[in-house]
Amino acid sequence: QVQLVESGGGLVHPGGSLRLACVASRSVTSFNSMAWYRLNPAGNQRDFVARITRGTDTSYADSVKGRFTISRDNAKNTVFLQMNSLKPEDSAVYYCNASVAYDNYWGKGTRVTVSS
C-alpha cells in the first residue's frame, strides 16, 4: 500500500511563503504523476492545484500560476509545493496525490492558513 505524508503547512501572513512536502513510501518516479489538491471552501471537493508528471512536465491551476511551483526530489521520494505571494483565499487543507494506471493515492493533508 502506498503512503503519502504531507508536511509544511501552517499559519502565514498574506504575501508570505510556505513550502509543502509530500514524502512517498516508494519512488516518486513509479507514478504517472503526482499532484497537489486543496479542499474547496465548501469542504466537499478537492480542487486541483498543481501536477508534475513522471517526465517532469508541470501544470497549474490558473489561480496559482506564477505564484506556486511544484518540484520533486527523486532521491528523497519527495514532491514539493513552493507557495509564494500567498493570499487569504489560498487557505485550505492541501492534499498530496499520486496516480498510476487506475490507482489514486492520497495523503491525509496539511492545513495552510493565510491570515493577518
N, C-alpha and C. Protein backbone atom coordinates (compact mmCIF):
# COMPACT_ATOMS: atom_id res chain seq x y z
N GLN A 1 0.84 -1.19 0.00
CA GLN A 1 0.00 0.00 0.00
C GLN A 1 0.88 1.25 0.00
N VAL A 2 0.56 2.20 -0.84
CA VAL A 2 1.33 3.43 -0.93
C VAL A 2 0.92 4.37 0.19
N GLN A 3 1.90 4.99 0.80
CA GLN A 3 1.63 6.02 1.81
C GLN A 3 2.22 7.34 1.35
N LEU A 4 1.45 8.39 1.54
CA LEU A 4 1.89 9.75 1.23
C LEU A 4 1.73 10.58 2.49
N VAL A 5 2.79 11.25 2.89
CA VAL A 5 2.75 12.03 4.12
C VAL A 5 3.13 13.48 3.81
N GLU A 6 2.17 14.37 4.04
CA GLU A 6 2.40 15.79 3.79
C GLU A 6 2.92 16.49 5.04
N SER A 7 3.64 17.57 4.81
CA SER A 7 4.11 18.41 5.91
C SER A 7 4.34 19.81 5.36
N GLY A 8 4.54 20.76 6.28
CA GLY A 8 4.90 22.11 5.88
C GLY A 8 3.80 23.14 5.99
N GLY A 9 2.59 22.70 6.31
CA GLY A 9 1.51 23.66 6.46
C GLY A 9 1.70 24.51 7.71
N GLY A 10 0.87 25.54 7.82
CA GLY A 10 0.95 26.41 8.97
C GLY A 10 0.24 27.72 8.74
N LEU A 11 0.49 28.66 9.62
CA LEU A 11 -0.11 29.99 9.54
C LEU A 11 0.92 30.96 8.95
N VAL A 12 0.48 31.73 7.97
CA VAL A 12 1.37 32.69 7.33
C VAL A 12 0.58 33.95 7.00
N HIS A 13 1.27 35.09 7.01
CA HIS A 13 0.61 36.35 6.66
C HIS A 13 0.42 36.46 5.15
N PRO A 14 -0.56 37.24 4.72
CA PRO A 14 -0.71 37.47 3.27
C PRO A 14 0.59 38.01 2.68
N GLY A 15 0.94 37.50 1.51
CA GLY A 15 2.20 37.86 0.87
C GLY A 15 3.36 36.97 1.25
N GLY A 16 3.16 36.13 2.24
CA GLY A 16 4.22 35.26 2.71
C GLY A 16 4.36 34.00 1.86
N SER A 17 5.27 33.13 2.31
CA SER A 17 5.57 31.89 1.58
C SER A 17 5.56 30.69 2.50
N LEU A 18 5.26 29.55 1.92
CA LEU A 18 5.36 28.26 2.60
C LEU A 18 5.83 27.25 1.57
N ARG A 19 6.48 26.20 2.04
CA ARG A 19 6.84 25.08 1.18
C ARG A 19 6.26 23.81 1.77
N LEU A 20 5.38 23.19 1.02
CA LEU A 20 4.82 21.91 1.43
C LEU A 20 5.67 20.78 0.87
N ALA A 21 5.71 19.68 1.60
CA ALA A 21 6.43 18.49 1.16
C ALA A 21 5.52 17.28 1.26
N CYS A 22 5.70 16.36 0.35
CA CYS A 22 4.96 15.10 0.35
C CYS A 22 5.97 13.97 0.16
N VAL A 23 6.12 13.17 1.18
CA VAL A 23 7.04 12.04 1.12
C VAL A 23 6.26 10.78 0.79
N ALA A 24 6.69 10.09 -0.26
CA ALA A 24 6.03 8.85 -0.69
C ALA A 24 6.79 7.64 -0.15
N SER A 25 6.04 6.54 0.01
CA SER A 25 6.65 5.32 0.55
C SER A 25 7.37 4.51 -0.50
N ARG A 26 7.33 4.99 -1.75
CA ARG A 26 8.12 4.37 -2.80
C ARG A 26 8.55 5.45 -3.79
N SER A 27 9.33 5.10 -4.76
CA SER A 27 9.89 6.07 -5.68
C SER A 27 8.81 6.93 -6.35
N VAL A 28 9.03 8.23 -6.33
CA VAL A 28 8.05 9.12 -6.95
C VAL A 28 8.00 8.93 -8.47
N THR A 29 9.05 8.39 -9.05
CA THR A 29 9.05 8.17 -10.50
C THR A 29 8.29 6.90 -10.88
N SER A 30 7.81 6.16 -9.88
CA SER A 30 6.99 4.98 -10.18
C SER A 30 5.56 5.36 -10.51
N PHE A 31 5.21 6.62 -10.23
CA PHE A 31 3.86 7.10 -10.51
C PHE A 31 3.81 7.82 -11.85
N ASN A 32 2.65 7.79 -12.50
CA ASN A 32 2.49 8.55 -13.73
C ASN A 32 2.58 10.04 -13.44
N SER A 33 2.04 10.43 -12.33
CA SER A 33 2.12 11.83 -11.93
C SER A 33 1.88 11.96 -10.44
N MET A 34 2.32 13.08 -9.91
CA MET A 34 1.99 13.44 -8.53
C MET A 34 1.46 14.86 -8.55
N ALA A 35 0.56 15.13 -7.63
CA ALA A 35 -0.13 16.41 -7.69
C ALA A 35 -0.49 16.90 -6.30
N TRP A 36 -0.84 18.16 -6.24
CA TRP A 36 -1.40 18.77 -5.04
C TRP A 36 -2.82 19.24 -5.33
N TYR A 37 -3.68 18.97 -4.39
CA TYR A 37 -5.06 19.43 -4.44
C TYR A 37 -5.33 20.16 -3.13
N ARG A 38 -6.40 20.94 -3.11
CA ARG A 38 -6.81 21.57 -1.86
C ARG A 38 -8.32 21.50 -1.73
N LEU A 39 -8.76 21.41 -0.49
CA LEU A 39 -10.19 21.29 -0.23
C LEU A 39 -10.87 22.62 -0.48
N ASN A 40 -11.95 22.61 -1.23
CA ASN A 40 -12.63 23.86 -1.55
C ASN A 40 -13.31 24.44 -0.32
N PRO A 41 -13.70 25.72 -0.35
CA PRO A 41 -14.28 26.35 0.84
C PRO A 41 -15.53 25.65 1.36
N ALA A 42 -16.29 25.04 0.47
CA ALA A 42 -17.49 24.32 0.93
C ALA A 42 -17.13 23.04 1.64
N GLY A 43 -15.88 22.59 1.46
CA GLY A 43 -15.43 21.38 2.14
C GLY A 43 -15.94 20.09 1.52
N ASN A 44 -16.39 20.17 0.27
CA ASN A 44 -16.97 18.98 -0.34
C ASN A 44 -16.24 18.53 -1.60
N GLN A 45 -15.12 19.15 -1.93
CA GLN A 45 -14.41 18.80 -3.16
C GLN A 45 -12.96 19.20 -3.06
N ARG A 46 -12.11 18.37 -3.62
CA ARG A 46 -10.69 18.71 -3.70
C ARG A 46 -10.43 19.35 -5.05
N ASP A 47 -9.92 20.55 -5.04
CA ASP A 47 -9.63 21.27 -6.28
C ASP A 47 -8.17 21.08 -6.66
N PHE A 48 -7.92 20.92 -7.94
CA PHE A 48 -6.58 20.75 -8.47
C PHE A 48 -5.76 22.02 -8.24
N VAL A 49 -4.51 21.83 -7.84
CA VAL A 49 -3.59 22.96 -7.64
C VAL A 49 -2.41 22.87 -8.61
N ALA A 50 -1.70 21.74 -8.59
CA ALA A 50 -0.51 21.60 -9.42
C ALA A 50 -0.20 20.13 -9.62
N ARG A 51 0.47 19.83 -10.74
CA ARG A 51 0.82 18.44 -11.07
C ARG A 51 2.21 18.39 -11.69
N ILE A 52 2.92 17.31 -11.39
CA ILE A 52 4.19 17.03 -12.07
C ILE A 52 4.14 15.60 -12.56
N THR A 53 4.46 15.40 -13.82
CA THR A 53 4.41 14.07 -14.39
C THR A 53 5.73 13.34 -14.19
N ARG A 54 5.73 12.06 -14.55
CA ARG A 54 6.96 11.28 -14.46
C ARG A 54 8.07 11.94 -15.27
N GLY A 55 7.67 12.54 -16.38
CA GLY A 55 8.64 13.20 -17.24
C GLY A 55 8.94 14.64 -16.85
N THR A 56 8.47 15.05 -15.69
CA THR A 56 8.68 16.37 -15.08
C THR A 56 7.94 17.51 -15.78
N ASP A 57 6.95 17.18 -16.63
CA ASP A 57 6.06 18.23 -17.12
C ASP A 57 5.22 18.71 -15.95
N THR A 58 4.96 20.01 -15.91
CA THR A 58 4.18 20.57 -14.81
C THR A 58 2.96 21.31 -15.34
N SER A 59 1.93 21.38 -14.52
CA SER A 59 0.73 22.14 -14.85
C SER A 59 0.16 22.72 -13.57
N TYR A 60 -0.57 23.82 -13.71
CA TYR A 60 -1.06 24.56 -12.55
C TYR A 60 -2.48 25.04 -12.77
N ALA A 61 -3.20 25.18 -11.67
CA ALA A 61 -4.49 25.87 -11.73
C ALA A 61 -4.23 27.34 -12.04
N ASP A 62 -5.16 27.96 -12.76
CA ASP A 62 -4.99 29.36 -13.13
C ASP A 62 -4.80 30.25 -11.90
N SER A 63 -5.47 29.89 -10.83
CA SER A 63 -5.45 30.73 -9.62
C SER A 63 -4.08 30.77 -8.94
N VAL A 64 -3.19 29.82 -9.26
CA VAL A 64 -1.89 29.78 -8.59
C VAL A 64 -0.72 29.97 -9.55
N LYS A 65 -0.99 30.06 -10.85
CA LYS A 65 0.09 30.22 -11.83
C LYS A 65 0.93 31.46 -11.51
N GLY A 66 2.23 31.28 -11.57
CA GLY A 66 3.14 32.38 -11.30
C GLY A 66 3.45 32.58 -9.82
N ARG A 67 2.71 31.89 -8.95
CA ARG A 67 2.95 32.02 -7.51
C ARG A 67 3.42 30.71 -6.89
N PHE A 68 2.91 29.59 -7.39
CA PHE A 68 3.24 28.27 -6.85
C PHE A 68 4.15 27.52 -7.82
N THR A 69 5.03 26.71 -7.28
CA THR A 69 5.91 25.87 -8.09
C THR A 69 5.96 24.47 -7.51
N ILE A 70 5.69 23.48 -8.36
CA ILE A 70 5.79 22.09 -7.94
C ILE A 70 7.12 21.54 -8.44
N SER A 71 7.75 20.72 -7.59
CA SER A 71 9.03 20.12 -7.95
C SER A 71 9.17 18.81 -7.20
N ARG A 72 10.22 18.08 -7.50
CA ARG A 72 10.41 16.82 -6.77
C ARG A 72 11.89 16.54 -6.58
N ASP A 73 12.15 15.73 -5.57
CA ASP A 73 13.49 15.24 -5.27
C ASP A 73 13.41 13.72 -5.33
N ASN A 74 13.87 13.14 -6.42
CA ASN A 74 13.74 11.69 -6.60
C ASN A 74 14.48 10.91 -5.52
N ALA A 75 15.62 11.40 -5.13
CA ALA A 75 16.42 10.68 -4.14
C ALA A 75 15.73 10.60 -2.79
N LYS A 76 14.87 11.59 -2.51
CA LYS A 76 14.17 11.63 -1.22
C LYS A 76 12.72 11.19 -1.34
N ASN A 77 12.32 10.72 -2.53
CA ASN A 77 10.92 10.31 -2.75
C ASN A 77 9.95 11.40 -2.31
N THR A 78 10.26 12.62 -2.64
CA THR A 78 9.51 13.76 -2.13
C THR A 78 9.10 14.70 -3.26
N VAL A 79 7.88 15.19 -3.16
CA VAL A 79 7.38 16.23 -4.04
C VAL A 79 7.12 17.47 -3.20
N PHE A 80 7.46 18.61 -3.74
CA PHE A 80 7.32 19.87 -3.02
C PHE A 80 6.31 20.78 -3.72
N LEU A 81 5.73 21.67 -2.93
CA LEU A 81 4.94 22.75 -3.48
C LEU A 81 5.41 24.05 -2.82
N GLN A 82 6.13 24.84 -3.59
CA GLN A 82 6.57 26.14 -3.09
C GLN A 82 5.47 27.14 -3.37
N MET A 83 5.00 27.78 -2.32
CA MET A 83 3.88 28.71 -2.43
C MET A 83 4.35 30.10 -2.03
N ASN A 84 4.33 31.01 -2.96
CA ASN A 84 4.74 32.39 -2.71
C ASN A 84 3.56 33.34 -2.90
N SER A 85 3.72 34.55 -2.40
CA SER A 85 2.68 35.57 -2.53
C SER A 85 1.32 35.03 -2.13
N LEU A 86 1.30 34.39 -0.98
CA LEU A 86 0.07 33.73 -0.54
C LEU A 86 -1.03 34.74 -0.25
N LYS A 87 -2.25 34.31 -0.54
CA LYS A 87 -3.45 35.13 -0.35
C LYS A 87 -4.38 34.42 0.63
N PRO A 88 -5.25 35.16 1.29
CA PRO A 88 -6.20 34.51 2.21
C PRO A 88 -7.01 33.40 1.52
N GLU A 89 -7.31 33.58 0.25
CA GLU A 89 -8.09 32.56 -0.45
C GLU A 89 -7.30 31.29 -0.75
N ASP A 90 -6.01 31.29 -0.47
CA ASP A 90 -5.22 30.07 -0.57
C ASP A 90 -5.35 29.19 0.67
N SER A 91 -6.00 29.71 1.70
CA SER A 91 -6.19 28.93 2.93
C SER A 91 -7.01 27.68 2.63
N ALA A 92 -6.51 26.54 3.05
CA ALA A 92 -7.20 25.27 2.78
C ALA A 92 -6.37 24.14 3.38
N VAL A 93 -6.96 22.97 3.37
CA VAL A 93 -6.18 21.76 3.62
C VAL A 93 -5.65 21.29 2.27
N TYR A 94 -4.34 21.09 2.20
CA TYR A 94 -3.69 20.68 0.96
C TYR A 94 -3.37 19.19 1.01
N TYR A 95 -3.72 18.50 -0.06
CA TYR A 95 -3.54 17.06 -0.14
C TYR A 95 -2.57 16.70 -1.26
N CYS A 96 -1.74 15.73 -0.98
CA CYS A 96 -0.85 15.16 -1.99
C CYS A 96 -1.55 13.99 -2.66
N ASN A 97 -1.38 13.88 -3.96
CA ASN A 97 -1.99 12.80 -4.74
C ASN A 97 -0.92 12.15 -5.61
N ALA A 98 -1.01 10.83 -5.73
CA ALA A 98 -0.14 10.09 -6.64
C ALA A 98 -1.02 9.16 -7.48
N SER A 99 -0.78 9.13 -8.77
CA SER A 99 -1.61 8.29 -9.62
C SER A 99 -0.74 7.41 -10.51
N VAL A 100 -1.20 6.19 -10.71
CA VAL A 100 -0.55 5.25 -11.61
C VAL A 100 -1.61 4.28 -12.09
N ALA A 101 -1.65 4.08 -13.40
CA ALA A 101 -2.66 3.21 -14.01
C ALA A 101 -4.05 3.63 -13.50
N TYR A 102 -4.75 2.70 -12.87
CA TYR A 102 -6.11 3.01 -12.39
C TYR A 102 -6.14 3.34 -10.91
N ASP A 103 -5.01 3.49 -10.30
CA ASP A 103 -4.93 3.73 -8.87
C ASP A 103 -4.63 5.18 -8.54
N ASN A 104 -5.30 5.67 -7.53
CA ASN A 104 -5.07 7.01 -7.00
C ASN A 104 -4.81 6.89 -5.51
N TYR A 105 -3.79 7.57 -5.05
CA TYR A 105 -3.44 7.56 -3.64
C TYR A 105 -3.46 8.98 -3.10
N TRP A 106 -3.86 9.08 -1.83
CA TRP A 106 -3.98 10.40 -1.20
C TRP A 106 -3.29 10.40 0.16
N GLY A 107 -2.72 11.55 0.50
CA GLY A 107 -2.25 11.75 1.86
C GLY A 107 -3.39 12.24 2.72
N LYS A 108 -3.08 12.50 3.99
CA LYS A 108 -4.11 12.94 4.93
C LYS A 108 -4.27 14.46 4.97
N GLY A 109 -3.36 15.17 4.33
CA GLY A 109 -3.49 16.61 4.22
C GLY A 109 -2.69 17.39 5.23
N THR A 110 -2.41 18.63 4.85
CA THR A 110 -1.75 19.57 5.75
C THR A 110 -2.45 20.92 5.59
N ARG A 111 -2.72 21.57 6.72
CA ARG A 111 -3.53 22.79 6.68
C ARG A 111 -2.65 24.02 6.48
N VAL A 112 -3.10 24.87 5.57
CA VAL A 112 -2.47 26.16 5.32
C VAL A 112 -3.47 27.25 5.64
N THR A 113 -3.06 28.18 6.49
CA THR A 113 -3.92 29.31 6.84
C THR A 113 -3.17 30.60 6.52
N VAL A 114 -3.78 31.42 5.69
CA VAL A 114 -3.19 32.71 5.31
C VAL A 114 -4.06 33.80 5.93
N SER A 115 -3.51 34.47 6.92
CA SER A 115 -4.29 35.45 7.66
C SER A 115 -3.38 36.48 8.30
N SER A 116 -3.89 37.69 8.43
CA SER A 116 -3.12 38.72 9.12
C SER A 116 -3.51 38.75 10.59
